[in-house]
Amino acid sequence: MTDHPNPKDHPTGNAEKDPDDWTTGGEPMTGAQASYLKTLSEEAGEGFDDTLNKADASKRIDELQAKTGRGQ
């Protein structure tokens, strides 16, 4: 037995990680992020920036969720 925790025991652990700490945060946002971000941007009456990377898209999604009341 090892003392290292199994990441599968806590599947949401990565979801709680700060986007600035993501190893892939600098990559282009995913299709799912883009789709959701576009929807949130429209609902919030704000522009959609398709040049965001994964980390920045995640932060923007959080901001727009707070503004629109989604994701609560």
N, C-alpha and C. Protein backbone atom coordinates (compact mmCIF):
# COMPACT_ATOMS: atom_id res chain seq x y z
N MET A 1 0.83 -1.19 0.00
CA MET A 1 0.00 0.00 0.00
C MET A 1 0.87 1.25 0.00
N THR A 2 0.42 2.26 -0.71
CA THR A 2 1.17 3.50 -0.76
C THR A 2 0.48 4.57 0.07
N ASP A 3 1.22 5.61 0.39
CA ASP A 3 0.66 6.73 1.14
C ASP A 3 0.08 7.79 0.21
N HIS A 4 0.21 7.58 -1.09
CA HIS A 4 -0.28 8.56 -2.06
C HIS A 4 -1.77 8.37 -2.28
N PRO A 5 -2.53 9.46 -2.21
CA PRO A 5 -3.98 9.33 -2.47
C PRO A 5 -4.25 9.00 -3.93
N ASN A 6 -5.28 8.25 -4.13
CA ASN A 6 -5.69 7.89 -5.48
C ASN A 6 -6.58 9.01 -6.02
N PRO A 7 -6.19 9.67 -7.12
CA PRO A 7 -7.01 10.76 -7.64
C PRO A 7 -8.42 10.33 -8.02
N LYS A 8 -8.60 9.05 -8.30
CA LYS A 8 -9.94 8.58 -8.64
C LYS A 8 -10.87 8.55 -7.43
N ASP A 9 -10.29 8.58 -6.23
CA ASP A 9 -11.11 8.63 -5.02
C ASP A 9 -11.77 9.99 -4.85
N HIS A 10 -11.21 11.01 -5.49
CA HIS A 10 -11.72 12.37 -5.40
C HIS A 10 -11.79 12.95 -6.81
N PRO A 11 -12.77 12.52 -7.60
CA PRO A 11 -12.82 12.91 -9.01
C PRO A 11 -13.00 14.40 -9.26
N THR A 12 -13.46 15.15 -8.28
CA THR A 12 -13.65 16.59 -8.50
C THR A 12 -12.45 17.40 -8.04
N GLY A 13 -11.42 16.75 -7.59
CA GLY A 13 -10.25 17.45 -7.08
C GLY A 13 -9.67 18.43 -8.08
N ASN A 14 -9.57 18.04 -9.34
CA ASN A 14 -9.03 18.95 -10.35
C ASN A 14 -9.98 20.10 -10.64
N ALA A 15 -11.27 19.89 -10.47
CA ALA A 15 -12.24 20.94 -10.75
C ALA A 15 -12.08 22.09 -9.75
N GLU A 16 -11.52 21.80 -8.58
CA GLU A 16 -11.37 22.82 -7.56
C GLU A 16 -10.02 23.53 -7.66
N LYS A 17 -9.16 23.08 -8.53
CA LYS A 17 -7.83 23.65 -8.68
C LYS A 17 -7.92 25.02 -9.36
N ASP A 18 -7.12 25.95 -8.89
CA ASP A 18 -7.09 27.29 -9.47
C ASP A 18 -6.66 27.19 -10.93
N PRO A 19 -7.42 27.79 -11.84
CA PRO A 19 -7.06 27.72 -13.26
C PRO A 19 -5.64 28.21 -13.55
N ASP A 20 -5.13 29.13 -12.74
CA ASP A 20 -3.77 29.61 -12.96
C ASP A 20 -2.74 28.51 -12.70
N ASP A 21 -3.14 27.46 -11.99
CA ASP A 21 -2.23 26.35 -11.68
C ASP A 21 -2.38 25.17 -12.64
N TRP A 22 -3.30 25.25 -13.59
CA TRP A 22 -3.50 24.15 -14.54
C TRP A 22 -2.28 24.03 -15.44
N THR A 23 -1.81 22.81 -15.65
CA THR A 23 -0.67 22.62 -16.55
C THR A 23 -1.06 22.87 -18.00
N THR A 24 -2.33 22.70 -18.33
CA THR A 24 -2.80 22.92 -19.71
C THR A 24 -3.58 24.22 -19.85
N GLY A 25 -3.50 25.08 -18.85
CA GLY A 25 -4.28 26.32 -18.85
C GLY A 25 -3.98 27.25 -20.00
N GLY A 26 -2.78 27.16 -20.57
CA GLY A 26 -2.42 28.04 -21.67
C GLY A 26 -2.90 27.57 -23.03
N GLU A 27 -3.44 26.36 -23.07
CA GLU A 27 -3.95 25.83 -24.34
C GLU A 27 -5.26 26.51 -24.71
N PRO A 28 -5.64 26.49 -25.99
CA PRO A 28 -6.93 27.08 -26.39
C PRO A 28 -8.09 26.45 -25.62
N MET A 29 -9.10 27.25 -25.36
CA MET A 29 -10.27 26.73 -24.64
C MET A 29 -10.88 25.57 -25.41
N THR A 30 -11.55 24.70 -24.67
CA THR A 30 -12.18 23.54 -25.29
C THR A 30 -13.46 23.96 -26.00
N GLY A 31 -13.97 23.09 -26.83
CA GLY A 31 -15.23 23.36 -27.52
C GLY A 31 -16.37 23.54 -26.54
N ALA A 32 -16.38 22.74 -25.48
CA ALA A 32 -17.43 22.85 -24.47
C ALA A 32 -17.35 24.19 -23.75
N GLN A 33 -16.14 24.62 -23.42
CA GLN A 33 -15.98 25.93 -22.78
C GLN A 33 -16.47 27.04 -23.71
N ALA A 34 -16.09 26.96 -24.97
CA ALA A 34 -16.48 28.00 -25.93
C ALA A 34 -17.99 28.08 -26.07
N SER A 35 -18.63 26.93 -26.17
CA SER A 35 -20.08 26.89 -26.32
C SER A 35 -20.78 27.49 -25.11
N TYR A 36 -20.37 27.08 -23.93
CA TYR A 36 -21.00 27.57 -22.70
C TYR A 36 -20.69 29.05 -22.50
N LEU A 37 -19.47 29.44 -22.77
CA LEU A 37 -19.08 30.83 -22.61
C LEU A 37 -19.86 31.74 -23.56
N LYS A 38 -20.10 31.26 -24.78
CA LYS A 38 -20.88 32.04 -25.73
C LYS A 38 -22.32 32.22 -25.22
N THR A 39 -22.90 31.15 -24.70
CA THR A 39 -24.25 31.22 -24.14
C THR A 39 -24.31 32.20 -22.98
N LEU A 40 -23.35 32.08 -22.06
CA LEU A 40 -23.32 32.98 -20.90
C LEU A 40 -23.11 34.43 -21.33
N SER A 41 -22.24 34.65 -22.30
CA SER A 41 -21.98 36.00 -22.79
C SER A 41 -23.24 36.63 -23.36
N GLU A 42 -23.99 35.84 -24.13
CA GLU A 42 -25.24 36.34 -24.70
C GLU A 42 -26.24 36.68 -23.61
N GLU A 43 -26.36 35.79 -22.61
CA GLU A 43 -27.31 36.04 -21.52
C GLU A 43 -26.94 37.26 -20.70
N ALA A 44 -25.62 37.49 -20.55
CA ALA A 44 -25.16 38.63 -19.76
C ALA A 44 -25.10 39.92 -20.58
N GLY A 45 -25.33 39.81 -21.90
CA GLY A 45 -25.27 40.98 -22.76
C GLY A 45 -23.84 41.48 -22.93
N GLU A 46 -22.89 40.56 -22.90
CA GLU A 46 -21.49 40.92 -23.04
C GLU A 46 -20.88 40.21 -24.24
N GLY A 47 -19.78 40.74 -24.72
CA GLY A 47 -19.12 40.16 -25.87
C GLY A 47 -18.46 38.83 -25.57
N PHE A 48 -18.34 38.02 -26.59
CA PHE A 48 -17.69 36.70 -26.48
C PHE A 48 -16.31 36.80 -27.09
N ASP A 49 -15.29 36.42 -26.31
CA ASP A 49 -13.90 36.45 -26.77
C ASP A 49 -13.46 35.03 -27.09
N ASP A 50 -13.32 34.73 -28.38
CA ASP A 50 -12.97 33.36 -28.78
C ASP A 50 -11.47 33.10 -28.75
N THR A 51 -10.70 34.06 -28.24
CA THR A 51 -9.25 33.88 -28.19
C THR A 51 -8.76 33.46 -26.80
N LEU A 52 -9.66 33.30 -25.84
CA LEU A 52 -9.25 32.94 -24.48
C LEU A 52 -8.64 31.55 -24.42
N ASN A 53 -7.70 31.37 -23.52
CA ASN A 53 -7.15 30.03 -23.29
C ASN A 53 -8.02 29.32 -22.24
N LYS A 54 -7.70 28.08 -21.95
CA LYS A 54 -8.52 27.28 -21.04
C LYS A 54 -8.68 27.95 -19.67
N ALA A 55 -7.57 28.43 -19.11
CA ALA A 55 -7.62 29.02 -17.78
C ALA A 55 -8.44 30.30 -17.77
N ASP A 56 -8.21 31.17 -18.74
CA ASP A 56 -8.95 32.44 -18.79
C ASP A 56 -10.42 32.21 -19.09
N ALA A 57 -10.73 31.21 -19.92
CA ALA A 57 -12.12 30.88 -20.21
C ALA A 57 -12.82 30.41 -18.95
N SER A 58 -12.13 29.59 -18.16
CA SER A 58 -12.72 29.10 -16.91
C SER A 58 -13.04 30.26 -15.96
N LYS A 59 -12.11 31.20 -15.86
CA LYS A 59 -12.33 32.36 -14.98
C LYS A 59 -13.49 33.21 -15.50
N ARG A 60 -13.55 33.38 -16.81
CA ARG A 60 -14.62 34.18 -17.41
C ARG A 60 -15.98 33.51 -17.21
N ILE A 61 -16.00 32.19 -17.32
CA ILE A 61 -17.23 31.44 -17.07
C ILE A 61 -17.69 31.68 -15.64
N ASP A 62 -16.76 31.63 -14.69
CA ASP A 62 -17.12 31.88 -13.29
C ASP A 62 -17.71 33.28 -13.11
N GLU A 63 -17.08 34.27 -13.75
CA GLU A 63 -17.57 35.64 -13.66
C GLU A 63 -18.99 35.77 -14.22
N LEU A 64 -19.19 35.19 -15.40
CA LEU A 64 -20.50 35.32 -16.04
C LEU A 64 -21.57 34.49 -15.34
N GLN A 65 -21.18 33.37 -14.74
CA GLN A 65 -22.14 32.59 -13.96
C GLN A 65 -22.63 33.43 -12.78
N ALA A 66 -21.72 34.13 -12.14
CA ALA A 66 -22.11 34.98 -11.00
C ALA A 66 -23.03 36.09 -11.49
N LYS A 67 -22.73 36.65 -12.64
CA LYS A 67 -23.54 37.76 -13.15
C LYS A 67 -24.93 37.31 -13.58
N THR A 68 -25.01 36.12 -14.19
CA THR A 68 -26.30 35.65 -14.71
C THR A 68 -27.08 34.80 -13.70
N GLY A 69 -26.42 34.37 -12.65
CA GLY A 69 -27.08 33.51 -11.66
C GLY A 69 -27.06 32.04 -12.03
N ARG A 70 -26.36 31.70 -13.11
CA ARG A 70 -26.23 30.29 -13.51
C ARG A 70 -25.17 29.60 -12.67
N GLY A 71 -25.26 28.30 -12.58
CA GLY A 71 -24.23 27.52 -11.92
C GLY A 71 -24.23 27.64 -10.41
N GLN A 72 -25.33 28.07 -9.85
CA GLN A 72 -25.39 28.23 -8.39
C GLN A 72 -26.23 27.17 -7.76
